[in-house]
PDB file of all heavy atoms in Angstrom:
ATOM      1  N   ARG A   1      70.219 177.964-185.389  1.00  0.00           N
ATOM      2  CA  ARG A   1      70.391 177.283-186.660  1.00  0.00           C
ATOM      3  C   ARG A   1      70.168 178.173-187.865  1.00  0.00           C
ATOM      4  O   ARG A   1      70.931 178.133-188.836  1.00  0.00           O
ATOM      5  CB  ARG A   1      69.421 176.080-186.698  1.00  0.00           C
ATOM      6  CG  ARG A   1      69.637 175.167-187.861  1.00  0.00           C
ATOM      7  CD  ARG A   1      68.586 174.083-188.036  1.00  0.00           C
ATOM      8  NE  ARG A   1      67.413 174.689-188.487  1.00  0.00           N
ATOM      9  CZ  ARG A   1      66.175 174.221-188.316  1.00  0.00           C
ATOM     10  NH1 ARG A   1      66.009 173.118-187.639  1.00  0.00           N
ATOM     11  NH2 ARG A   1      65.138 174.805-188.786  1.00  0.00           N
ATOM     12  N   ASP A   2      69.125 178.917-187.799  1.00  0.00           N
ATOM     13  CA  ASP A   2      68.791 179.840-188.939  1.00  0.00           C
ATOM     14  C   ASP A   2      69.813 181.003-189.085  1.00  0.00           C
ATOM     15  O   ASP A   2      70.022 181.488-190.197  1.00  0.00           O
ATOM     16  CB  ASP A   2      67.349 180.373-188.858  1.00  0.00           C
ATOM     17  CG  ASP A   2      66.358 179.221-189.052  1.00  0.00           C
ATOM     18  OD1 ASP A   2      66.656 178.305-189.815  1.00  0.00           O
ATOM     19  OD2 ASP A   2      65.309 179.219-188.397  1.00  0.00           O
ATOM     20  N   MET A   3      70.370 181.437-187.957  1.00  0.00           N
ATOM     21  CA  MET A   3      71.393 182.497-187.999  1.00  0.00           C
ATOM     22  C   MET A   3      72.631 181.961-188.833  1.00  0.00           C
ATOM     23  O   MET A   3      73.258 182.826-189.475  1.00  0.00           O
ATOM     24  CB  MET A   3      71.856 182.860-186.576  1.00  0.00           C
ATOM     25  CG  MET A   3      70.988 183.837-185.896  1.00  0.00           C
ATOM     26  SD  MET A   3      70.896 185.447-186.719  1.00  0.00           S
ATOM     27  CE  MET A   3      72.580 185.986-186.621  1.00  0.00           C
ATOM     28  N   ALA A   4      72.913 180.709-188.735  1.00  0.00           N
ATOM     29  CA  ALA A   4      74.039 180.138-189.493  1.00  0.00           C
ATOM     30  C   ALA A   4      73.874 180.390-191.008  1.00  0.00           C
ATOM     31  O   ALA A   4      74.784 180.759-191.722  1.00  0.00           O
ATOM     32  CB  ALA A   4      74.213 178.674-189.205  1.00  0.00           C
ATOM     33  N   VAL A   5      72.610 180.296-191.436  1.00  0.00           N
ATOM     34  CA  VAL A   5      72.316 180.514-192.856  1.00  0.00           C
ATOM     35  C   VAL A   5      72.492 182.001-193.236  1.00  0.00           C
ATOM     36  O   VAL A   5      73.019 182.345-194.254  1.00  0.00           O
ATOM     37  CB  VAL A   5      70.882 180.014-193.227  1.00  0.00           C
ATOM     38  CG1 VAL A   5      70.573 180.283-194.679  1.00  0.00           C
ATOM     39  CG2 VAL A   5      70.747 178.517-192.938  1.00  0.00           C
ATOM     40  N   VAL A   6      71.963 182.844-192.331  1.00  0.00           N
ATOM     41  CA  VAL A   6      72.135 184.294-192.570  1.00  0.00           C
ATOM     42  C   VAL A   6      73.587 184.649-192.657  1.00  0.00           C
ATOM     43  O   VAL A   6      74.002 185.449-193.541  1.00  0.00           O
ATOM     44  CB  VAL A   6      71.383 185.118-191.482  1.00  0.00           C
ATOM     45  CG1 VAL A   6      71.655 186.593-191.607  1.00  0.00           C
ATOM     46  CG2 VAL A   6      69.907 184.837-191.501  1.00  0.00           C
ATOM     47  N   ARG A   7      74.403 184.099-191.747  1.00  0.00           N
ATOM     48  CA  ARG A   7      75.843 184.425-191.745  1.00  0.00           C
ATOM     49  C   ARG A   7      76.475 184.025-193.114  1.00  0.00           C
ATOM     50  O   ARG A   7      77.388 184.728-193.570  1.00  0.00           O
ATOM     51  CB  ARG A   7      76.531 183.742-190.598  1.00  0.00           C
ATOM     52  CG  ARG A   7      76.277 184.389-189.285  1.00  0.00           C
ATOM     53  CD  ARG A   7      77.142 183.789-188.161  1.00  0.00           C
ATOM     54  NE  ARG A   7      76.565 184.022-186.889  1.00  0.00           N
ATOM     55  CZ  ARG A   7      75.764 183.172-186.209  1.00  0.00           C
ATOM     56  NH1 ARG A   7      75.488 181.996-186.680  1.00  0.00           N
ATOM     57  NH2 ARG A   7      75.259 183.534-185.095  1.00  0.00           N
ATOM     58  N   LYS A   8      76.058 182.913-193.677  1.00  0.00           N
ATOM     59  CA  LYS A   8      76.607 182.435-194.944  1.00  0.00           C
ATOM     60  C   LYS A   8      76.227 183.413-196.078  1.00  0.00           C
ATOM     61  O   LYS A   8      76.896 183.509-197.091  1.00  0.00           O
ATOM     62  CB  LYS A   8      76.097 181.047-195.286  1.00  0.00           C
ATOM     63  CG  LYS A   8      76.782 179.990-194.445  1.00  0.00           C
ATOM     64  CD  LYS A   8      76.215 178.639-194.795  1.00  0.00           C
ATOM     65  CE  LYS A   8      76.711 177.537-193.834  1.00  0.00           C
ATOM     66  NZ  LYS A   8      76.124 176.243-194.159  1.00  0.00           N
ATOM     67  N   LEU A   9      75.142 184.126-195.910  1.00  0.00           N
ATOM     68  CA  LEU A   9      74.722 185.040-196.918  1.00  0.00           C
ATOM     69  C   LEU A   9      75.304 186.429-196.789  1.00  0.00           C
ATOM     70  O   LEU A   9      75.034 187.347-197.577  1.00  0.00           O
ATOM     71  CB  LEU A   9      73.169 185.142-196.935  1.00  0.00           C
ATOM     72  CG  LEU A   9      72.418 183.902-197.322  1.00  0.00           C
ATOM     73  CD1 LEU A   9      70.907 184.041-197.045  1.00  0.00           C
ATOM     74  CD2 LEU A   9      72.639 183.545-198.797  1.00  0.00           C
ATOM     75  N   ASN A  10      76.188 186.624-195.787  1.00  0.00           N
ATOM     76  CA  ASN A  10      76.704 187.900-195.481  1.00  0.00           C
ATOM     77  C   ASN A  10      77.947 188.162-196.346  1.00  0.00           C
ATOM     78  O   ASN A  10      79.105 188.151-195.852  1.00  0.00           O
ATOM     79  CB  ASN A  10      77.105 188.021-193.974  1.00  0.00           C
ATOM     80  CG  ASN A  10      77.482 189.418-193.568  1.00  0.00           C
ATOM     81  OD1 ASN A  10      77.188 190.353-194.331  1.00  0.00           O
ATOM     82  ND2 ASN A  10      78.156 189.526-192.479  1.00  0.00           N
ATOM     83  N   HIS A  11      77.741 188.428-197.585  1.00  0.00           N
ATOM     84  CA  HIS A  11      78.863 188.751-198.507  1.00  0.00           C
ATOM     85  C   HIS A  11      79.316 190.116-198.291  1.00  0.00           C
ATOM     86  O   HIS A  11      78.533 191.114-198.285  1.00  0.00           O
ATOM     87  CB  HIS A  11      78.397 188.537-199.989  1.00  0.00           C
ATOM     88  CG  HIS A  11      77.812 187.133-200.187  1.00  0.00           C
ATOM     89  ND1 HIS A  11      78.563 185.992-200.079  1.00  0.00           N
ATOM     90  CD2 HIS A  11      76.546 186.759-200.412  1.00  0.00           C
ATOM     91  CE1 HIS A  11      77.796 184.917-200.338  1.00  0.00           C
ATOM     92  NE2 HIS A  11      76.515 185.317-200.496  1.00  0.00           N
ATOM     93  N   PHE A  12      80.654 190.284-198.146  1.00  0.00           N
ATOM     94  CA  PHE A  12      81.303 191.627-197.998  1.00  0.00           C
ATOM     95  C   PHE A  12      80.791 192.396-196.818  1.00  0.00           C
ATOM     96  O   PHE A  12      80.827 193.619-196.813  1.00  0.00           O
ATOM     97  CB  PHE A  12      81.148 192.431-199.301  1.00  0.00           C
ATOM     98  CG  PHE A  12      81.650 191.702-200.534  1.00  0.00           C
ATOM     99  CD1 PHE A  12      80.742 191.229-201.469  1.00  0.00           C
ATOM    100  CD2 PHE A  12      83.044 191.440-200.694  1.00  0.00           C
ATOM    101  CE1 PHE A  12      81.188 190.527-202.593  1.00  0.00           C
ATOM    102  CE2 PHE A  12      83.464 190.728-201.814  1.00  0.00           C
ATOM    103  CZ  PHE A  12      82.563 190.258-202.726  1.00  0.00           C
ATOM    104  N   GLY A  13      80.203 191.761-195.839  1.00  0.00           N
ATOM    105  CA  GLY A  13      79.795 192.375-194.594  1.00  0.00           C
ATOM    106  C   GLY A  13      78.530 193.204-194.732  1.00  0.00           C
ATOM    107  O   GLY A  13      78.195 193.966-193.835  1.00  0.00           O
ATOM    108  N   ARG A  14      77.786 193.001-195.819  1.00  0.00           N
ATOM    109  CA  ARG A  14      76.604 193.902-195.993  1.00  0.00           C
ATOM    110  C   ARG A  14      75.487 193.620-195.037  1.00  0.00           C
ATOM    111  O   ARG A  14      74.540 194.403-194.904  1.00  0.00           O
ATOM    112  CB  ARG A  14      76.087 193.827-197.452  1.00  0.00           C
ATOM    113  CG  ARG A  14      75.447 192.509-197.839  1.00  0.00           C
ATOM    114  CD  ARG A  14      75.139 192.478-199.340  1.00  0.00           C
ATOM    115  NE  ARG A  14      74.464 191.229-199.653  1.00  0.00           N
ATOM    116  CZ  ARG A  14      73.267 191.165-200.189  1.00  0.00           C
ATOM    117  NH1 ARG A  14      72.628 192.268-200.525  1.00  0.00           N
ATOM    118  NH2 ARG A  14      72.668 190.029-200.462  1.00  0.00           N
ATOM    119  N   LEU A  15      75.528 192.482-194.337  1.00  0.00           N
ATOM    120  CA  LEU A  15      74.497 192.141-193.381  1.00  0.00           C
ATOM    121  C   LEU A  15      75.019 192.302-191.955  1.00  0.00           C
ATOM    122  O   LEU A  15      74.288 191.872-190.979  1.00  0.00           O
ATOM    123  CB  LEU A  15      74.036 190.701-193.572  1.00  0.00           C
ATOM    124  CG  LEU A  15      73.439 190.342-194.931  1.00  0.00           C
ATOM    125  CD1 LEU A  15      73.108 188.844-195.019  1.00  0.00           C
ATOM    126  CD2 LEU A  15      72.266 191.193-195.265  1.00  0.00           C
ATOM    127  N   ASP A  16      76.150 192.871-191.744  1.00  0.00           N
ATOM    128  CA  ASP A  16      76.731 193.004-190.427  1.00  0.00           C
ATOM    129  C   ASP A  16      75.753 193.624-189.413  1.00  0.00           C
ATOM    130  O   ASP A  16      75.641 193.150-188.263  1.00  0.00           O
ATOM    131  CB  ASP A  16      78.070 193.802-190.393  1.00  0.00           C
ATOM    132  CG  ASP A  16      79.173 193.035-191.038  1.00  0.00           C
ATOM    133  OD1 ASP A  16      79.028 191.779-191.293  1.00  0.00           O
ATOM    134  OD2 ASP A  16      80.265 193.654-191.287  1.00  0.00           O
ATOM    135  N   THR A  17      75.127 194.703-189.711  1.00  0.00           N
ATOM    136  CA  THR A  17      74.223 195.353-188.828  1.00  0.00           C
ATOM    137  C   THR A  17      72.994 194.509-188.492  1.00  0.00           C
ATOM    138  O   THR A  17      72.585 194.343-187.333  1.00  0.00           O
ATOM    139  CB  THR A  17      73.685 196.696-189.451  1.00  0.00           C
ATOM    140  OG1 THR A  17      74.846 197.515-189.675  1.00  0.00           O
ATOM    141  CG2 THR A  17      72.740 197.426-188.457  1.00  0.00           C
ATOM    142  N   ASP A  18      72.403 193.868-189.536  1.00  0.00           N
ATOM    143  CA  ASP A  18      71.292 192.974-189.335  1.00  0.00           C
ATOM    144  C   ASP A  18      71.694 191.805-188.424  1.00  0.00           C
ATOM    145  O   ASP A  18      70.949 191.440-187.482  1.00  0.00           O
ATOM    146  CB  ASP A  18      70.739 192.434-190.632  1.00  0.00           C
ATOM    147  CG  ASP A  18      70.070 193.472-191.497  1.00  0.00           C
ATOM    148  OD1 ASP A  18      69.244 194.256-190.977  1.00  0.00           O
ATOM    149  OD2 ASP A  18      70.529 193.579-192.666  1.00  0.00           O
ATOM    150  N   ILE A  19      72.860 191.244-188.690  1.00  0.00           N
ATOM    151  CA  ILE A  19      73.329 190.096-187.882  1.00  0.00           C
ATOM    152  C   ILE A  19      73.552 190.551-186.429  1.00  0.00           C
ATOM    153  O   ILE A  19      73.176 189.830-185.503  1.00  0.00           O
ATOM    154  CB  ILE A  19      74.574 189.501-188.528  1.00  0.00           C
ATOM    155  CG1 ILE A  19      74.187 188.722-189.830  1.00  0.00           C
ATOM    156  CG2 ILE A  19      75.268 188.552-187.541  1.00  0.00           C
ATOM    157  CD1 ILE A  19      75.350 188.257-190.627  1.00  0.00           C
ATOM    158  N   ALA A  20      74.135 191.685-186.216  1.00  0.00           N
ATOM    159  CA  ALA A  20      74.411 192.185-184.913  1.00  0.00           C
ATOM    160  C   ALA A  20      73.063 192.356-184.123  1.00  0.00           C
ATOM    161  O   ALA A  20      72.956 191.970-182.950  1.00  0.00           O
ATOM    162  CB  ALA A  20      75.137 193.474-184.936  1.00  0.00           C
ATOM    163  N   ASN A  21      72.040 192.892-184.800  1.00  0.00           N
ATOM    164  CA  ASN A  21      70.766 193.061-184.186  1.00  0.00           C
ATOM    165  C   ASN A  21      70.089 191.751-183.805  1.00  0.00           C
ATOM    166  O   ASN A  21      69.505 191.586-182.710  1.00  0.00           O
ATOM    167  CB  ASN A  21      69.849 193.882-185.053  1.00  0.00           C
ATOM    168  CG  ASN A  21      70.246 195.351-185.158  1.00  0.00           C
ATOM    169  OD1 ASN A  21      70.912 195.876-184.264  1.00  0.00           O
ATOM    170  ND2 ASN A  21      69.894 195.940-186.240  1.00  0.00           N
ATOM    171  N   LEU A  22      70.169 190.767-184.735  1.00  0.00           N
ATOM    172  CA  LEU A  22      69.548 189.484-184.466  1.00  0.00           C
ATOM    173  C   LEU A  22      70.307 188.751-183.372  1.00  0.00           C
ATOM    174  O   LEU A  22      69.715 188.162-182.484  1.00  0.00           O
ATOM    175  CB  LEU A  22      69.574 188.647-185.734  1.00  0.00           C
ATOM    176  CG  LEU A  22      68.652 189.119-186.810  1.00  0.00           C
ATOM    177  CD1 LEU A  22      68.917 188.322-188.115  1.00  0.00           C
ATOM    178  CD2 LEU A  22      67.204 188.974-186.482  1.00  0.00           C
ATOM    179  N   GLU A  23      71.635 188.831-183.385  1.00  0.00           N
ATOM    180  CA  GLU A  23      72.448 188.207-182.346  1.00  0.00           C
ATOM    181  C   GLU A  23      72.192 188.844-180.979  1.00  0.00           C
ATOM    182  O   GLU A  23      72.143 188.151-179.933  1.00  0.00           O
ATOM    183  CB  GLU A  23      73.883 188.235-182.642  1.00  0.00           C
ATOM    184  CG  GLU A  23      74.194 187.213-183.777  1.00  0.00           C
ATOM    185  CD  GLU A  23      75.710 187.218-184.226  1.00  0.00           C
ATOM    186  OE1 GLU A  23      76.402 188.213-183.905  1.00  0.00           O
ATOM    187  OE2 GLU A  23      76.079 186.243-184.854  1.00  0.00           O
ATOM    188  N   ALA A  24      71.947 190.137-180.949  1.00  0.00           N
ATOM    189  CA  ALA A  24      71.563 190.788-179.669  1.00  0.00           C
ATOM    190  C   ALA A  24      70.235 190.261-179.165  1.00  0.00           C
ATOM    191  O   ALA A  24      70.090 189.971-177.886  1.00  0.00           O
ATOM    192  CB  ALA A  24      71.524 192.309-179.845  1.00  0.00           C
ATOM    193  N   GLY A  25      69.269 190.109-179.998  1.00  0.00           N
ATOM    194  CA  GLY A  25      67.992 189.553-179.640  1.00  0.00           C
ATOM    195  C   GLY A  25      68.120 188.077-179.174  1.00  0.00           C
ATOM    196  O   GLY A  25      67.530 187.691-178.175  1.00  0.00           O
ATOM    197  N   LEU A  26      68.974 187.321-179.827  1.00  0.00           N
ATOM    198  CA  LEU A  26      69.190 185.930-179.462  1.00  0.00           C
ATOM    199  C   LEU A  26      69.899 185.847-178.104  1.00  0.00           C
ATOM    200  O   LEU A  26      69.545 185.041-177.229  1.00  0.00           O
ATOM    201  CB  LEU A  26      70.001 185.233-180.523  1.00  0.00           C
ATOM    202  CG  LEU A  26      70.282 183.714-180.319  1.00  0.00           C
ATOM    203  CD1 LEU A  26      69.014 182.987-180.108  1.00  0.00           C
ATOM    204  CD2 LEU A  26      71.050 183.215-181.491  1.00  0.00           C
ATOM    205  N   THR A  27      70.848 186.731-177.842  1.00  0.00           N
ATOM    206  CA  THR A  27      71.516 186.770-176.547  1.00  0.00           C
ATOM    207  C   THR A  27      70.538 187.126-175.442  1.00  0.00           C
ATOM    208  O   THR A  27      70.581 186.489-174.388  1.00  0.00           O
ATOM    209  CB  THR A  27      72.667 187.829-176.581  1.00  0.00           C
ATOM    210  OG1 THR A  27      73.615 187.411-177.586  1.00  0.00           O
ATOM    211  CG2 THR A  27      73.377 187.968-175.276  1.00  0.00           C
ATOM    212  N   ARG A  28      69.700 188.118-175.651  1.00  0.00           N
ATOM    213  CA  ARG A  28      68.682 188.472-174.685  1.00  0.00           C
ATOM    214  C   ARG A  28      67.731 187.285-174.421  1.00  0.00           C
ATOM    215  O   ARG A  28      67.393 186.968-173.262  1.00  0.00           O
ATOM    216  CB  ARG A  28      67.815 189.684-175.140  1.00  0.00           C
ATOM    217  CG  ARG A  28      68.521 190.983-174.892  1.00  0.00           C
ATOM    218  CD  ARG A  28      67.588 192.174-175.153  1.00  0.00           C
ATOM    219  NE  ARG A  28      67.007 192.224-176.500  1.00  0.00           N
ATOM    220  CZ  ARG A  28      67.601 192.770-177.546  1.00  0.00           C
ATOM    221  NH1 ARG A  28      68.734 193.352-177.437  1.00  0.00           N
ATOM    222  NH2 ARG A  28      66.987 192.714-178.748  1.00  0.00           N
ATOM    223  N   LEU A  29      67.334 186.596-175.454  1.00  0.00           N
ATOM    224  CA  LEU A  29      66.383 185.450-175.340  1.00  0.00           C
ATOM    225  C   LEU A  29      67.102 184.352-174.481  1.00  0.00           C
ATOM    226  O   LEU A  29      66.469 183.845-173.560  1.00  0.00           O
ATOM    227  CB  LEU A  29      66.044 184.901-176.700  1.00  0.00           C
ATOM    228  CG  LEU A  29      65.246 183.596-176.709  1.00  0.00           C
ATOM    229  CD1 LEU A  29      63.871 183.767-175.969  1.00  0.00           C
ATOM    230  CD2 LEU A  29      64.950 183.145-178.126  1.00  0.00           C
ATOM    231  N   LYS A  30      68.315 184.064-174.779  1.00  0.00           N
ATOM    232  CA  LYS A  30      69.007 183.002-174.065  1.00  0.00           C
ATOM    233  C   LYS A  30      69.179 183.404-172.583  1.00  0.00           C
ATOM    234  O   LYS A  30      68.988 182.560-171.653  1.00  0.00           O
ATOM    235  CB  LYS A  30      70.381 182.689-174.678  1.00  0.00           C
ATOM    236  CG  LYS A  30      70.304 181.974-175.954  1.00  0.00           C
ATOM    237  CD  LYS A  30      71.652 181.725-176.571  1.00  0.00           C
ATOM    238  CE  LYS A  30      71.608 180.929-177.867  1.00  0.00           C
ATOM    239  NZ  LYS A  30      72.944 180.762-178.426  1.00  0.00           N
ATOM    240  N   ALA A  31      69.517 184.673-172.329  1.00  0.00           N
ATOM    241  CA  ALA A  31      69.668 185.119-170.947  1.00  0.00           C
ATOM    242  C   ALA A  31      68.327 185.046-170.177  1.00  0.00           C
ATOM    243  O   ALA A  31      68.284 184.641-169.054  1.00  0.00           O
ATOM    244  CB  ALA A  31      70.185 186.559-170.948  1.00  0.00           C
ATOM    245  N   ASP A  32      67.273 185.422-170.854  1.00  0.00           N
ATOM    246  CA  ASP A  32      65.934 185.368-170.237  1.00  0.00           C
ATOM    247  C   ASP A  32      65.540 183.905-169.914  1.00  0.00           C
ATOM    248  O   ASP A  32      65.014 183.628-168.849  1.00  0.00           O
ATOM    249  CB  ASP A  32      64.856 185.959-171.142  1.00  0.00           C
ATOM    250  CG  ASP A  32      64.925 187.477-171.299  1.00  0.00           C
ATOM    251  OD1 ASP A  32      65.658 188.096-170.486  1.00  0.00           O
ATOM    252  OD2 ASP A  32      64.290 188.034-172.218  1.00  0.00           O
ATOM    253  N   GLN A  33      65.854 183.054-170.828  1.00  0.00           N
ATOM    254  CA  GLN A  33      65.537 181.632-170.590  1.00  0.00           C
ATOM    255  C   GLN A  33      66.384 181.057-169.497  1.00  0.00           C
ATOM    256  O   GLN A  33      65.903 180.234-168.665  1.00  0.00           O
ATOM    257  CB  GLN A  33      65.701 180.814-171.910  1.00  0.00           C
ATOM    258  CG  GLN A  33      64.629 181.137-172.905  1.00  0.00           C
ATOM    259  CD  GLN A  33      64.824 180.468-174.274  1.00  0.00           C
ATOM    260  OE1 GLN A  33      65.960 180.028-174.614  1.00  0.00           O
ATOM    261  NE2 GLN A  33      63.749 180.346-175.032  1.00  0.00           N
ATOM    262  N   GLN A  34      67.630 181.462-169.386  1.00  0.00           N
ATOM    263  CA  GLN A  34      68.517 180.968-168.313  1.00  0.00           C
ATOM    264  C   GLN A  34      68.032 181.482-166.947  1.00  0.00           C
ATOM    265  O   GLN A  34      67.970 180.721-165.981  1.00  0.00           O
ATOM    266  CB  GLN A  34      69.946 181.396-168.503  1.00  0.00           C
ATOM    267  CG  GLN A  34      70.654 180.591-169.601  1.00  0.00           C
ATOM    268  CD  GLN A  34      72.036 181.121-169.885  1.00  0.00           C
ATOM    269  OE1 GLN A  34      72.396 182.197-169.461  1.00  0.00           O
ATOM    270  NE2 GLN A  34      72.828 180.352-170.612  1.00  0.00           N
ATOM    271  N   ARG A  35      67.600 182.734-166.939  1.00  0.00           N
ATOM    272  CA  ARG A  35      67.025 183.302-165.688  1.00  0.00           C
ATOM    273  C   ARG A  35      65.761 182.562-165.298  1.00  0.00           C
ATOM    274  O   ARG A  35      65.556 182.256-164.104  1.00  0.00           O
ATOM    275  CB  ARG A  35      66.735 184.792-165.820  1.00  0.00           C
ATOM    276  CG  ARG A  35      67.954 185.722-165.540  1.00  0.00           C
ATOM    277  CD  ARG A  35      67.530 187.148-165.430  1.00  0.00           C
ATOM    278  NE  ARG A  35      66.978 187.736-166.669  1.00  0.00           N
ATOM    279  CZ  ARG A  35      67.703 188.178-167.646  1.00  0.00           C
ATOM    280  NH1 ARG A  35      69.002 188.115-167.608  1.00  0.00           N
ATOM    281  NH2 ARG A  35      67.117 188.691-168.739  1.00  0.00           N
ATOM    282  N   ALA A  36      64.897 182.288-166.251  1.00  0.00           N
ATOM    283  CA  ALA A  36      63.675 181.603-165.949  1.00  0.00           C
ATOM    284  C   ALA A  36      63.944 180.180-165.424  1.00  0.00           C
ATOM    285  O   ALA A  36      63.291 179.714-164.484  1.00  0.00           O
ATOM    286  CB  ALA A  36      62.793 181.555-167.188  1.00  0.00           C
ATOM    287  N   GLU A  37      64.917 179.530-166.038  1.00  0.00           N
ATOM    288  CA  GLU A  37      65.321 178.200-165.590  1.00  0.00           C
ATOM    289  C   GLU A  37      65.867 178.180-164.176  1.00  0.00           C
ATOM    290  O   GLU A  37      65.543 177.369-163.319  1.00  0.00           O
ATOM    291  CB  GLU A  37      66.276 177.566-166.593  1.00  0.00           C
ATOM    292  CG  GLU A  37      66.519 176.095-166.333  1.00  0.00           C
ATOM    293  CD  GLU A  37      65.294 175.238-166.464  1.00  0.00           C
ATOM    294  OE1 GLU A  37      64.460 175.562-167.297  1.00  0.00           O
ATOM    295  OE2 GLU A  37      65.189 174.285-165.677  1.00  0.00           O
ATOM    296  N   LYS A  38      66.760 179.166-163.876  1.00  0.00           N
ATOM    297  CA  LYS A  38      67.296 179.277-162.508  1.00  0.00           C
ATOM    298  C   LYS A  38      66.228 179.571-161.524  1.00  0.00           C
ATOM    299  O   LYS A  38      66.205 179.077-160.404  1.00  0.00           O
ATOM    300  CB  LYS A  38      68.324 180.442-162.472  1.00  0.00           C
ATOM    301  CG  LYS A  38      69.702 180.011-163.078  1.00  0.00           C
ATOM    302  CD  LYS A  38      70.632 181.170-162.976  1.00  0.00           C
ATOM    303  CE  LYS A  38      71.990 180.801-163.612  1.00  0.00           C
ATOM    304  NZ  LYS A  38      72.949 181.907-163.570  1.00  0.00           N
ATOM    305  N   SER A  39      65.254 180.424-161.918  1.00  0.00           N
ATOM    306  CA  SER A  39      64.155 180.764-161.047  1.00  0.00           C
ATOM    307  C   SER A  39      63.314 179.516-160.714  1.00  0.00           C
ATOM    308  O   SER A  39      62.881 179.320-159.586  1.00  0.00           O
ATOM    309  CB  SER A  39      63.316 181.887-161.651  1.00  0.00           C
ATOM    310  OG  SER A  39      62.195 182.158-160.860  1.00  0.00           O
TER     311      SER A  39
END
């Protein structure tokens, strides 16, 4: 939900690197949670 707000603030791509790093962290978190749930 909060990433959606960050994306809206990404004027002219100046936050592309920050967004990529946050999305990588979010992807890892979701994968970890899915693994834990499967386990």
